[in-house]
Amino acid sequence: MIPSSPLLDLYAARSELGFWQRHFYSAAFNPLPRQAAFLSSRAKIAVYSGGNRAGKTEVGAVKAALLANGVLGLLYPGFPDDGRPTKGLVSGLDYKLVSKVLRPKLQRALGRSVHSWSEKNQMWRLKNGSEIWLASEESGEQKYQAIDIDWAWKDEFGDAKSEGIINEIMRGLVDRNGCLFVTATPTLGASWAGPLWYEPWRDATGDTDGQIHYCSRPGHCSANGVTFYFVNTEDNAYLSRDAVKDWIARQVTEEQKAVRLHGRFVTLEGLVYPMFDLSRHVIDSIPIPKEWQKWRGMDFGLAAPSTCLWAALEPAVEGRGPRLHIYREVYDTRQGKTVQMTSQLIKDASNEEEYVQTLLDPSCWNRDPAPEAVGGFFVVADEYARCGVYAERANNEVESGVERLWRYLGAPGTVPSLVIHRCCENLVREMRRQKWKKGITGLTQTPGWGMGDKIDKTDSDHALDALRYIVMAGPLEADTFYGPDKDDYDSSVEGPEEAEWVLDAQGRPALKIRRRISLDIEG
């Protein structure tokens, strides 16, 4: 037996570490200082709240891979390093985010530690016996109710519906005394995270002005078991400083900087669309070519106006990406109007055009009791269909719609991706006047309140609702997928054969999907 010595122990440790670095990407991961602090955090809930391109998804995938392989303690002191199998959950906001972003990132971070992949169960089994389950919040809260796990990674806060899923995840961690870590940019829909996590942490740490950006000691600055690690875009040493400055100048408004650059929770005030500029976004009406793809967005009202907007997608040209034209509106304010009356206006204005989709307020599928109606119920969408206006349920996620409209409108001084024809007077008026409620705090709102409760509804917003329905159908995203956090795409990550990395019209990296893809995990 060879006697032990510090030198032999060192050689053994280096040999073991070398093996992991050759076969396990996460062991060779070179974290930024604040990423290292997050990786070694022992808080019950660790939140990595970062600006765009702050390395959030990358560090989340690495932490998941290290935990699953039971070697986090070898690289980051304070964690167990016994290699015992664990069961973990990775939760994303939707199926696209999980399959196109989180899964490839995790596959890369896991490297050759993977034993098998189950497509049916969306689960990796590792060579040490650990399991990693992937879940989409689109599947609903009930899918999370039977989980029993050692750790969980949640990517992005999500809207008020995500709070119920967080509660189920926390319940699933109880039996094993597990931990939750979150990587997110606190976009405007994350109203629940403010009062539940951020405000207690802020009150306990005195972080009221953004000076405390992260915690350097595990467990430090923790409130109710939660620790925040705020990370700035500028902290990412791997980014080109010139590229970051150019992106800020062209894409980020003053209102967005706190969230998009620093990952901070913000207070909303003033106009909802301060970047809207008549000189940039309103143009004289032009003929719409027949070959342009077209959409309609509709908002229904009895006492309130009934609205329909028409949109057409202008193809990209050299030096400019595709551009969405809002080229026609119906704004029916007649007293005593019926669905039949508004439908006739819409059909007359449509002039036998063909549409990719017609999107209608989803509340129009509500079954309202009406004894005189067929079946005893009155359904607005059915009535439109009987009148020859066939529509699909629109996506009415207000927070996502506002965020997407901000991106379409672009930062001041840039070429916008959306223009409104001058004939759409009501839409222009609403765009210029919509405001946040006075004194409302954006992301530190009462749990369960959504974006709609933060917007002042005293003025009309019916045309804006119709516009949100159109943009949430993704006319500019038809060929390119962006997740909720576009910065988390890494152009150095190799995509599958059916996809390629491209730069969009604003110079952002994006994964262009040519057809449905399936990733095969090496056993």
Protein backbone atom coordinates (compact mmCIF):
# COMPACT_ATOMS: atom_id res chain seq x y z
CA MET A 1 0.00 0.00 0.00
CA ILE A 2 1.41 3.35 -1.02
CA PRO A 3 1.51 5.70 1.97
CA SER A 4 -0.64 8.83 1.70
CA SER A 5 1.02 12.19 1.45
CA PRO A 6 -0.14 15.74 0.61
CA LEU A 7 1.72 15.52 -2.71
CA LEU A 8 0.10 12.22 -3.69
CA ASP A 9 -3.29 13.55 -2.62
CA LEU A 10 -2.73 16.57 -4.82
CA TYR A 11 -1.79 14.40 -7.81
CA ALA A 12 -4.88 12.25 -7.25
CA ALA A 13 -7.13 15.28 -7.03
CA ARG A 14 -5.63 16.81 -10.18
CA SER A 15 -6.02 13.51 -12.01
CA GLU A 16 -9.68 13.25 -11.03
CA LEU A 17 -10.33 16.89 -11.92
CA GLY A 18 -8.58 16.39 -15.27
CA PHE A 19 -10.87 13.48 -16.08
CA TRP A 20 -13.97 15.56 -15.35
CA GLN A 21 -12.69 18.51 -17.38
CA ARG A 22 -12.08 16.29 -20.41
CA HIS A 23 -15.45 14.58 -20.34
CA PHE A 24 -17.70 16.99 -18.48
CA TYR A 25 -18.10 20.54 -19.82
CA SER A 26 -19.33 21.94 -16.51
CA ALA A 27 -16.11 20.97 -14.73
CA ALA A 28 -14.15 23.16 -17.14
CA PHE A 29 -16.65 26.01 -16.92
CA ASN A 30 -14.86 29.26 -16.04
CA PRO A 31 -17.45 31.29 -14.15
CA LEU A 32 -17.55 35.03 -13.84
CA PRO A 33 -17.19 36.18 -10.20
CA ARG A 34 -20.91 36.59 -9.63
CA GLN A 35 -21.67 33.33 -11.36
CA ALA A 36 -19.26 31.62 -8.94
CA ALA A 37 -21.05 33.20 -5.99
CA PHE A 38 -24.39 31.94 -7.30
CA LEU A 39 -23.02 28.45 -7.95
CA SER A 40 -21.74 28.15 -4.39
CA SER A 41 -24.83 29.67 -2.74
CA ARG A 42 -26.44 27.40 -0.15
CA ALA A 43 -29.60 29.48 0.13
CA LYS A 44 -32.84 27.54 0.08
CA ILE A 45 -33.85 29.74 -2.88
CA ALA A 46 -31.03 31.36 -4.89
CA VAL A 47 -32.08 33.89 -7.54
CA TYR A 48 -29.67 34.92 -10.30
CA SER A 49 -31.38 38.08 -11.55
CA GLY A 50 -29.49 39.44 -14.51
CA GLY A 51 -29.67 41.80 -17.42
CA ASN A 52 -29.65 40.63 -21.01
CA ARG A 53 -26.63 38.49 -21.94
CA ALA A 54 -25.58 38.19 -18.31
CA GLY A 55 -25.04 34.43 -18.65
CA LYS A 56 -28.16 33.37 -16.76
CA THR A 57 -29.15 30.23 -18.65
CA GLU A 58 -25.54 29.12 -18.98
CA VAL A 59 -24.87 29.25 -15.23
CA GLY A 60 -28.23 27.62 -14.49
CA ALA A 61 -27.40 24.66 -16.76
CA VAL A 62 -23.95 24.31 -15.19
CA LYS A 63 -25.35 24.32 -11.64
CA ALA A 64 -27.94 21.71 -12.59
CA ALA A 65 -25.29 19.48 -14.17
CA LEU A 66 -22.95 19.75 -11.16
CA LEU A 67 -25.73 19.01 -8.68
CA ALA A 68 -26.98 16.04 -10.69
CA ASN A 69 -23.48 14.56 -10.88
CA GLY A 70 -22.91 15.10 -7.16
CA VAL A 71 -19.62 16.92 -7.71
CA LEU A 72 -20.53 20.53 -6.99
CA GLY A 73 -18.56 20.29 -3.75
CA LEU A 74 -15.38 19.33 -5.61
CA LEU A 75 -15.40 22.63 -7.45
CA TYR A 76 -17.34 24.93 -5.12
CA PRO A 77 -16.72 24.49 -1.39
CA GLY A 78 -19.74 24.05 0.82
CA PHE A 79 -21.64 21.51 -1.27
CA PRO A 80 -21.69 17.73 -0.83
CA ASP A 81 -19.19 15.93 -3.06
CA ASP A 82 -20.16 12.33 -2.39
CA GLY A 83 -21.52 11.77 -5.90
CA ARG A 84 -24.81 10.29 -4.64
CA PRO A 85 -27.66 10.19 -7.17
CA THR A 86 -30.18 13.01 -7.05
CA LYS A 87 -33.50 13.74 -8.70
CA GLY A 88 -33.86 17.20 -10.20
CA LEU A 89 -36.48 19.21 -12.09
CA VAL A 90 -35.88 21.85 -14.77
CA SER A 91 -38.91 24.06 -15.44
CA GLY A 92 -39.35 26.47 -18.38
CA LEU A 93 -42.17 28.81 -19.31
CA ASP A 94 -43.16 26.99 -22.51
CA TYR A 95 -42.36 24.00 -24.68
CA LYS A 96 -40.30 26.00 -27.17
CA LEU A 97 -38.08 27.42 -24.46
CA VAL A 98 -37.56 23.99 -22.91
CA SER A 99 -36.83 22.14 -26.16
CA LYS A 100 -34.88 24.79 -28.07
CA VAL A 101 -32.95 26.54 -25.27
CA LEU A 102 -32.87 24.73 -21.93
CA ARG A 103 -32.45 21.21 -23.27
CA PRO A 104 -29.48 22.01 -25.59
CA LYS A 105 -27.81 24.03 -22.82
CA LEU A 106 -28.23 21.18 -20.36
CA GLN A 107 -27.08 18.59 -22.88
CA ARG A 108 -23.89 20.55 -23.37
CA ALA A 109 -23.35 21.05 -19.63
CA LEU A 110 -23.89 17.35 -18.87
CA GLY A 111 -21.42 16.18 -21.52
CA ARG A 112 -20.62 12.47 -21.34
CA SER A 113 -22.19 12.05 -17.93
CA VAL A 114 -25.49 11.15 -19.64
CA HIS A 115 -26.51 7.49 -19.69
CA SER A 116 -29.82 7.79 -21.54
CA TRP A 117 -32.62 10.10 -22.58
CA SER A 118 -36.35 9.30 -22.46
CA GLU A 119 -38.28 11.30 -25.02
CA LYS A 120 -41.58 10.06 -23.61
CA ASN A 121 -40.82 11.19 -20.06
CA GLN A 122 -38.58 14.14 -21.01
CA MET A 123 -35.96 12.82 -18.60
CA TRP A 124 -32.21 12.24 -18.56
CA ARG A 125 -30.73 9.38 -16.57
CA LEU A 126 -27.06 9.96 -15.73
CA LYS A 127 -24.32 7.41 -15.32
CA ASN A 128 -24.32 7.93 -11.54
CA GLY A 129 -28.05 7.12 -11.37
CA SER A 130 -29.31 10.71 -11.12
CA GLU A 131 -32.42 11.82 -12.98
CA ILE A 132 -33.19 15.23 -14.51
CA TRP A 133 -36.80 15.82 -15.53
CA LEU A 134 -37.81 18.63 -17.91
CA ALA A 135 -41.19 20.34 -17.56
CA SER A 136 -43.06 23.12 -19.32
CA GLU A 137 -45.39 25.39 -17.40
CA GLU A 138 -47.76 25.22 -20.35
CA SER A 139 -48.70 21.74 -19.11
CA GLY A 140 -50.37 23.35 -16.08
CA GLU A 141 -50.00 23.36 -12.33
CA GLN A 142 -51.39 19.83 -11.89
CA LYS A 143 -48.42 18.29 -13.67
CA TYR A 144 -46.19 19.54 -10.84
CA GLN A 145 -48.29 18.19 -7.98
CA ALA A 146 -46.75 14.71 -7.64
CA ILE A 147 -43.06 15.66 -7.82
CA ASP A 148 -40.55 14.56 -5.17
CA ILE A 149 -37.12 16.06 -5.89
CA ASP A 150 -33.73 17.05 -4.44
CA TRP A 151 -33.35 20.25 -6.41
CA ALA A 152 -35.12 22.37 -9.03
CA TRP A 153 -34.05 24.97 -11.57
CA LYS A 154 -36.69 27.44 -12.76
CA ASP A 155 -35.77 29.54 -15.78
CA GLU A 156 -37.54 32.94 -15.80
CA PHE A 157 -40.04 34.14 -13.21
CA GLY A 158 -43.10 33.93 -15.43
CA ASP A 159 -46.40 35.70 -14.82
CA ALA A 160 -48.86 35.33 -11.95
CA LYS A 161 -49.73 31.76 -13.02
CA SER A 162 -46.15 30.72 -12.28
CA GLU A 163 -46.61 31.42 -8.57
CA GLY A 164 -48.82 28.36 -8.22
CA ILE A 165 -46.20 26.24 -9.98
CA ILE A 166 -43.49 27.62 -7.67
CA ASN A 167 -45.62 26.57 -4.69
CA GLU A 168 -45.87 23.02 -6.07
CA ILE A 169 -42.11 22.90 -6.71
CA MET A 170 -41.39 24.04 -3.15
CA ARG A 171 -43.73 21.37 -1.80
CA GLY A 172 -41.90 18.76 -3.87
CA LEU A 173 -38.59 19.80 -2.26
CA VAL A 174 -39.79 19.42 1.34
CA ASP A 175 -39.25 15.67 1.87
CA ARG A 176 -35.63 15.81 0.68
CA ASN A 177 -34.87 19.25 2.12
CA GLY A 178 -33.99 20.35 -1.40
CA CYS A 179 -33.05 23.69 -2.93
CA LEU A 180 -34.47 25.85 -5.72
CA PHE A 181 -32.43 28.13 -7.95
CA VAL A 182 -33.89 30.62 -10.40
CA THR A 183 -32.30 32.38 -13.36
CA ALA A 184 -34.31 35.30 -14.68
CA THR A 185 -34.62 38.81 -15.99
CA PRO A 186 -37.42 40.49 -13.98
CA THR A 187 -39.57 41.43 -16.95
CA LEU A 188 -42.84 43.20 -16.41
CA GLY A 189 -45.01 40.12 -16.01
CA ALA A 190 -43.20 38.83 -12.94
CA SER A 191 -45.45 40.63 -10.48
CA TRP A 192 -45.61 37.76 -7.98
CA ALA A 193 -41.84 37.56 -7.41
CA GLY A 194 -41.62 41.07 -5.99
CA PRO A 195 -43.73 40.74 -2.83
CA LEU A 196 -42.98 37.05 -2.33
CA TRP A 197 -39.19 37.18 -2.62
CA TYR A 198 -37.67 40.52 -3.53
CA GLU A 199 -39.33 42.86 -1.01
CA PRO A 200 -38.43 40.76 2.09
CA TRP A 201 -34.86 40.45 0.79
CA ARG A 202 -34.69 44.17 0.05
CA ASP A 203 -36.00 45.08 3.50
CA ALA A 204 -33.57 42.69 5.21
CA THR A 205 -30.52 43.87 3.27
CA GLY A 206 -31.30 47.55 2.71
CA ASP A 207 -30.99 47.07 -1.03
CA THR A 208 -33.17 50.02 -2.04
CA ASP A 209 -30.87 51.77 -4.50
CA GLY A 210 -29.23 48.87 -6.31
CA GLN A 211 -25.87 49.21 -4.57
CA ILE A 212 -25.89 45.65 -3.19
CA HIS A 213 -25.55 43.71 -6.40
CA TYR A 214 -24.72 40.25 -5.12
CA CYS A 215 -23.74 38.25 -2.07
CA SER A 216 -20.17 37.01 -1.86
CA ARG A 217 -20.76 34.61 1.04
CA PRO A 218 -23.10 31.60 0.84
CA GLY A 219 -26.28 32.32 2.75
CA HIS A 220 -25.40 35.99 3.29
CA CYS A 221 -28.07 38.64 2.63
CA SER A 222 -30.78 36.01 2.85
CA ALA A 223 -34.37 36.74 3.81
CA ASN A 224 -36.94 33.98 4.25
CA GLY A 225 -34.36 31.60 2.79
CA VAL A 226 -34.02 33.65 -0.42
CA THR A 227 -30.78 35.19 -1.69
CA PHE A 228 -30.58 37.47 -4.72
CA TYR A 229 -27.56 37.80 -7.00
CA PHE A 230 -28.00 40.84 -9.23
CA VAL A 231 -25.81 40.79 -12.32
CA ASN A 232 -25.22 43.52 -14.89
CA THR A 233 -24.80 42.94 -18.59
CA GLU A 234 -21.46 44.76 -18.35
CA ASP A 235 -20.25 42.11 -15.87
CA ASN A 236 -19.98 39.58 -18.71
CA ALA A 237 -16.32 39.86 -19.66
CA TYR A 238 -16.89 37.66 -22.72
CA LEU A 239 -19.02 40.29 -24.45
CA SER A 240 -17.67 42.94 -26.76
CA ARG A 241 -17.95 46.29 -25.01
CA ASP A 242 -18.57 48.02 -28.34
CA ALA A 243 -21.35 45.55 -29.20
CA VAL A 244 -23.00 46.09 -25.82
CA LYS A 245 -22.86 49.87 -26.20
CA ASP A 246 -24.32 49.65 -29.70
CA TRP A 247 -27.13 47.36 -28.50
CA ILE A 248 -27.94 49.74 -25.63
CA ALA A 249 -28.00 52.74 -27.95
CA ARG A 250 -30.24 51.07 -30.54
CA GLN A 251 -32.49 48.74 -28.55
CA VAL A 252 -32.76 49.72 -24.89
CA THR A 253 -34.90 52.63 -23.72
CA GLU A 254 -34.29 54.47 -20.45
CA GLU A 255 -37.33 52.73 -18.98
CA GLN A 256 -35.87 49.31 -19.81
CA LYS A 257 -32.29 49.81 -18.63
CA ALA A 258 -32.86 48.83 -15.00
CA VAL A 259 -34.41 45.52 -16.06
CA ARG A 260 -32.59 44.74 -19.30
CA LEU A 261 -29.09 45.82 -18.23
CA HIS A 262 -29.06 45.32 -14.47
CA GLY A 263 -31.75 42.70 -13.77
CA ARG A 264 -33.40 45.07 -11.28
CA PHE A 265 -37.01 45.19 -10.14
CA VAL A 266 -38.45 48.50 -11.30
CA THR A 267 -41.24 50.96 -10.62
CA LEU A 268 -43.50 51.74 -13.57
CA GLU A 269 -44.63 55.27 -14.23
CA GLY A 270 -45.71 57.50 -17.09
CA LEU A 271 -46.51 56.28 -20.59
CA VAL A 272 -46.61 52.57 -21.39
CA TYR A 273 -45.06 53.24 -24.82
CA PRO A 274 -42.75 56.23 -24.34
CA MET A 275 -40.72 55.18 -27.40
CA PHE A 276 -43.72 55.73 -29.69
CA ASP A 277 -42.92 58.60 -32.05
CA LEU A 278 -45.23 59.96 -34.73
CA SER A 279 -42.27 60.71 -37.01
CA ARG A 280 -40.92 57.14 -36.76
CA HIS A 281 -44.01 54.98 -36.40
CA VAL A 282 -46.79 56.71 -38.39
CA ILE A 283 -46.62 56.79 -42.20
CA ASP A 284 -48.94 57.78 -45.01
CA SER A 285 -51.09 54.93 -46.26
CA ILE A 286 -49.60 52.86 -49.07
CA PRO A 287 -51.13 50.10 -51.23
CA ILE A 288 -50.59 46.70 -49.63
CA PRO A 289 -49.31 44.11 -52.15
CA LYS A 290 -51.46 41.02 -52.47
CA GLU A 291 -48.53 38.68 -51.75
CA TRP A 292 -47.78 40.18 -48.31
CA GLN A 293 -48.96 37.98 -45.45
CA LYS A 294 -51.87 39.51 -43.55
CA TRP A 295 -53.49 39.23 -40.12
CA ARG A 296 -56.56 40.66 -38.40
CA GLY A 297 -56.93 41.42 -34.69
CA MET A 298 -60.38 41.99 -33.14
CA ASP A 299 -61.61 43.28 -29.79
CA PHE A 300 -65.33 43.06 -29.03
CA GLY A 301 -67.50 45.40 -27.00
CA LEU A 302 -71.20 46.04 -26.53
CA ALA A 303 -71.20 49.32 -24.64
CA ALA A 304 -67.49 49.78 -25.46
CA PRO A 305 -66.18 50.09 -29.04
CA SER A 306 -65.68 46.98 -31.16
CA THR A 307 -62.38 47.11 -33.00
CA CYS A 308 -60.64 45.35 -35.85
CA LEU A 309 -57.09 46.04 -37.08
CA TRP A 310 -55.46 44.77 -40.25
CA ALA A 311 -51.73 43.98 -40.37
CA ALA A 312 -49.43 43.07 -43.27
CA LEU A 313 -45.83 41.85 -43.20
CA GLU A 314 -43.45 43.69 -45.50
CA PRO A 315 -40.51 41.40 -46.42
CA ALA A 316 -36.99 42.29 -45.39
CA VAL A 317 -34.85 44.36 -47.72
CA GLU A 318 -31.13 45.03 -47.70
CA GLY A 319 -30.25 46.98 -44.58
CA ARG A 320 -33.63 46.44 -42.89
CA GLY A 321 -35.50 43.45 -41.52
CA PRO A 322 -39.18 42.61 -42.09
CA ARG A 323 -41.65 45.29 -41.03
CA LEU A 324 -45.23 44.97 -39.83
CA HIS A 325 -47.74 47.47 -41.29
CA ILE A 326 -50.99 48.25 -39.46
CA TYR A 327 -52.85 49.50 -42.49
CA ARG A 328 -56.58 49.58 -41.69
CA GLU A 329 -58.92 49.85 -38.71
CA VAL A 330 -62.62 49.54 -37.90
CA TYR A 331 -63.60 51.28 -34.67
CA ASP A 332 -67.32 50.74 -34.18
CA THR A 333 -68.75 53.04 -31.49
CA ARG A 334 -72.41 52.94 -32.57
CA GLN A 335 -74.94 52.71 -29.79
CA GLY A 336 -76.98 49.51 -29.91
CA LYS A 337 -74.57 47.83 -32.32
CA THR A 338 -74.67 44.05 -32.67
CA VAL A 339 -72.12 41.45 -33.72
CA GLN A 340 -73.89 41.28 -37.07
CA MET A 341 -73.51 45.02 -37.62
CA THR A 342 -69.78 45.05 -36.75
CA SER A 343 -69.18 41.90 -38.81
CA GLN A 344 -70.60 43.58 -41.88
CA LEU A 345 -68.17 46.50 -41.47
CA ILE A 346 -65.27 44.07 -41.14
CA LYS A 347 -66.28 42.03 -44.19
CA ASP A 348 -66.79 45.15 -46.32
CA ALA A 349 -63.35 46.49 -45.34
CA SER A 350 -61.62 43.14 -45.86
CA ASN A 351 -62.40 43.16 -49.58
CA GLU A 352 -61.89 39.39 -49.97
CA GLU A 353 -58.29 39.49 -48.72
CA GLU A 354 -56.73 36.27 -47.39
CA TYR A 355 -55.35 36.15 -43.85
CA VAL A 356 -52.89 33.98 -42.03
CA GLN A 357 -54.99 34.37 -38.90
CA THR A 358 -57.85 36.40 -37.49
CA LEU A 359 -57.34 36.79 -33.73
CA LEU A 360 -60.24 37.55 -31.38
CA ASP A 361 -60.35 38.38 -27.67
CA PRO A 362 -60.45 34.96 -25.92
CA SER A 363 -63.26 36.14 -23.63
CA CYS A 364 -65.49 35.96 -26.71
CA TRP A 365 -65.63 32.19 -26.19
CA ASN A 366 -67.33 32.63 -22.83
CA ARG A 367 -70.76 30.98 -22.63
CA ASP A 368 -73.10 33.72 -21.44
CA PRO A 369 -76.59 32.55 -20.40
CA ALA A 370 -79.18 33.68 -22.94
CA PRO A 371 -82.52 31.82 -22.91
CA GLU A 372 -83.42 33.12 -26.36
CA ALA A 373 -80.15 31.85 -27.93
CA VAL A 374 -79.59 28.43 -29.45
CA GLY A 375 -78.70 26.05 -26.61
CA GLY A 376 -79.49 28.70 -24.02
CA PHE A 377 -76.07 30.37 -24.29
CA PHE A 378 -74.70 33.28 -26.28
CA VAL A 379 -71.09 32.88 -27.50
CA VAL A 380 -69.72 35.95 -29.28
CA ALA A 381 -67.16 33.97 -31.30
CA ASP A 382 -69.91 31.68 -32.62
CA GLU A 383 -71.96 34.71 -33.58
CA TYR A 384 -69.04 36.16 -35.55
CA ALA A 385 -68.66 32.81 -37.31
CA ARG A 386 -72.37 32.75 -38.23
CA CYS A 387 -71.81 36.17 -39.77
CA GLY A 388 -68.89 34.92 -41.86
CA VAL A 389 -66.01 36.25 -39.72
CA TYR A 390 -64.05 33.22 -38.56
CA ALA A 391 -61.56 33.86 -35.77
CA GLU A 392 -59.11 32.06 -33.48
CA ARG A 393 -58.56 32.66 -29.78
CA ALA A 394 -55.96 35.38 -29.32
CA ASN A 395 -53.15 35.21 -26.79
CA ASN A 396 -54.16 37.81 -24.21
CA GLU A 397 -51.00 37.79 -22.08
CA VAL A 398 -50.76 41.52 -21.49
CA GLU A 399 -47.23 41.54 -20.08
CA SER A 400 -45.81 39.55 -23.01
CA GLY A 401 -47.72 41.70 -25.47
CA VAL A 402 -46.35 44.92 -24.00
CA GLU A 403 -42.81 43.54 -24.04
CA ARG A 404 -43.15 42.44 -27.67
CA LEU A 405 -44.62 45.77 -28.73
CA TRP A 406 -41.66 47.53 -27.10
CA ARG A 407 -39.35 45.40 -29.25
CA TYR A 408 -41.36 46.02 -32.42
CA LEU A 409 -41.36 49.78 -31.79
CA GLY A 410 -37.61 49.80 -31.09
CA ALA A 411 -35.49 52.26 -29.15
CA PRO A 412 -35.42 55.93 -30.18
CA GLY A 413 -33.21 56.57 -33.19
CA THR A 414 -33.58 53.06 -34.61
CA VAL A 415 -35.56 51.73 -37.56
CA PRO A 416 -38.79 50.29 -36.08
CA SER A 417 -40.21 46.91 -36.98
CA LEU A 418 -43.78 48.23 -36.80
CA VAL A 419 -45.40 51.17 -38.58
CA ILE A 420 -48.99 52.41 -38.42
CA HIS A 421 -50.75 53.95 -41.39
CA ARG A 422 -52.12 57.39 -40.76
CA CYS A 423 -55.69 56.24 -41.40
CA CYS A 424 -55.62 54.24 -38.11
CA GLU A 425 -56.38 57.32 -36.02
CA ASN A 426 -57.82 55.53 -32.99
CA LEU A 427 -54.84 53.21 -32.62
CA VAL A 428 -52.43 56.16 -32.82
CA ARG A 429 -54.45 58.05 -30.20
CA GLU A 430 -54.47 55.10 -27.79
CA MET A 431 -50.78 54.40 -28.32
CA ARG A 432 -49.90 57.99 -27.41
CA ARG A 433 -52.11 58.11 -24.31
CA GLN A 434 -51.92 54.76 -22.50
CA LYS A 435 -50.29 55.15 -19.07
CA TRP A 436 -49.40 53.14 -16.01
CA LYS A 437 -51.55 53.59 -12.95
CA LYS A 438 -50.31 56.33 -10.68
CA GLY A 439 -48.14 55.04 -7.84
CA ILE A 440 -48.12 51.44 -9.06
CA THR A 441 -44.88 49.55 -8.47
CA GLY A 442 -44.17 47.38 -11.48
CA LEU A 443 -42.72 44.12 -10.23
CA THR A 444 -43.47 44.51 -6.54
CA GLN A 445 -47.19 44.24 -7.05
CA THR A 446 -49.72 42.25 -5.04
CA PRO A 447 -49.34 38.51 -5.84
CA GLY A 448 -51.65 37.34 -8.57
CA TRP A 449 -52.04 40.73 -10.22
CA GLY A 450 -51.07 40.74 -13.87
CA MET A 451 -49.91 43.49 -16.18
CA GLY A 452 -53.49 44.48 -16.98
CA ASP A 453 -53.93 45.67 -13.39
CA LYS A 454 -50.92 47.99 -13.71
CA ILE A 455 -52.23 49.84 -16.78
CA ASP A 456 -54.58 52.76 -16.33
CA LYS A 457 -57.90 51.68 -17.89
CA THR A 458 -59.66 55.01 -17.58
CA ASP A 459 -58.83 55.74 -21.22
CA SER A 460 -59.82 53.53 -24.15
CA ASP A 461 -57.46 50.72 -25.17
CA HIS A 462 -59.57 48.61 -27.54
CA ALA A 463 -57.40 49.15 -30.62
CA LEU A 464 -54.29 48.48 -28.53
CA ASP A 465 -55.80 45.19 -27.39
CA ALA A 466 -56.37 44.21 -31.03
CA LEU A 467 -52.77 45.15 -31.82
CA ARG A 468 -51.47 42.99 -28.97
CA TYR A 469 -53.44 40.03 -30.31
CA ILE A 470 -51.69 40.44 -33.66
CA VAL A 471 -48.14 40.81 -32.35
CA MET A 472 -48.61 37.86 -29.96
CA ALA A 473 -49.30 35.72 -33.04
CA GLY A 474 -45.64 36.38 -33.87
CA PRO A 475 -45.73 37.76 -37.42
CA LEU A 476 -42.08 38.85 -37.18
CA GLU A 477 -41.10 35.57 -35.53
CA ALA A 478 -42.45 33.34 -38.29
CA ASP A 479 -39.00 32.00 -39.28
CA THR A 480 -36.97 32.69 -36.17
CA PHE A 481 -37.61 31.62 -32.58
CA TYR A 482 -36.74 33.87 -29.68
CA GLY A 483 -37.24 32.74 -26.09
CA PRO A 484 -38.44 35.10 -23.35
CA ASP A 485 -34.78 35.98 -22.87
CA LYS A 486 -33.18 36.38 -26.28
CA ASP A 487 -29.81 37.12 -24.68
CA ASP A 488 -29.55 33.52 -23.50
CA TYR A 489 -28.84 32.28 -27.00
CA ASP A 490 -25.14 31.54 -27.35
CA SER A 491 -23.83 31.65 -30.92
CA SER A 492 -20.98 29.34 -29.91
CA VAL A 493 -23.37 26.50 -29.08
CA GLU A 494 -23.70 24.06 -31.92
CA GLY A 495 -27.30 23.58 -33.00
CA PRO A 496 -28.82 20.49 -34.65
CA GLU A 497 -28.58 19.92 -38.40
CA GLU A 498 -32.00 21.42 -39.04
CA ALA A 499 -31.14 24.74 -37.38
CA GLU A 500 -28.59 27.46 -37.88
CA TRP A 501 -27.45 30.51 -35.95
CA VAL A 502 -28.21 33.79 -37.71
CA LEU A 503 -28.29 37.47 -36.89
CA ASP A 504 -31.68 39.12 -37.06
CA ALA A 505 -32.35 42.61 -38.44
CA GLN A 506 -31.17 44.17 -35.17
CA GLY A 507 -27.96 42.15 -35.07
CA ARG A 508 -29.11 39.76 -32.32
CA PRO A 509 -28.15 36.07 -32.44
CA ALA A 510 -31.09 33.78 -33.06
CA LEU A 511 -31.67 30.13 -33.82
CA LYS A 512 -33.39 29.80 -37.20
CA ILE A 513 -35.48 26.64 -37.34
CA ARG A 514 -36.00 25.16 -40.80
CA ARG A 515 -38.25 22.28 -39.72
CA ARG A 516 -39.23 20.40 -36.56
CA ILE A 517 -36.14 19.01 -34.88
CA SER A 518 -35.37 16.14 -32.55
CA LEU A 519 -32.21 16.05 -30.45
CA ASP A 520 -30.62 12.65 -29.90
CA ILE A 521 -28.71 12.27 -26.66
CA GLU A 522 -25.68 9.98 -26.76
CA GLY A 523 -26.05 7.09 -24.33
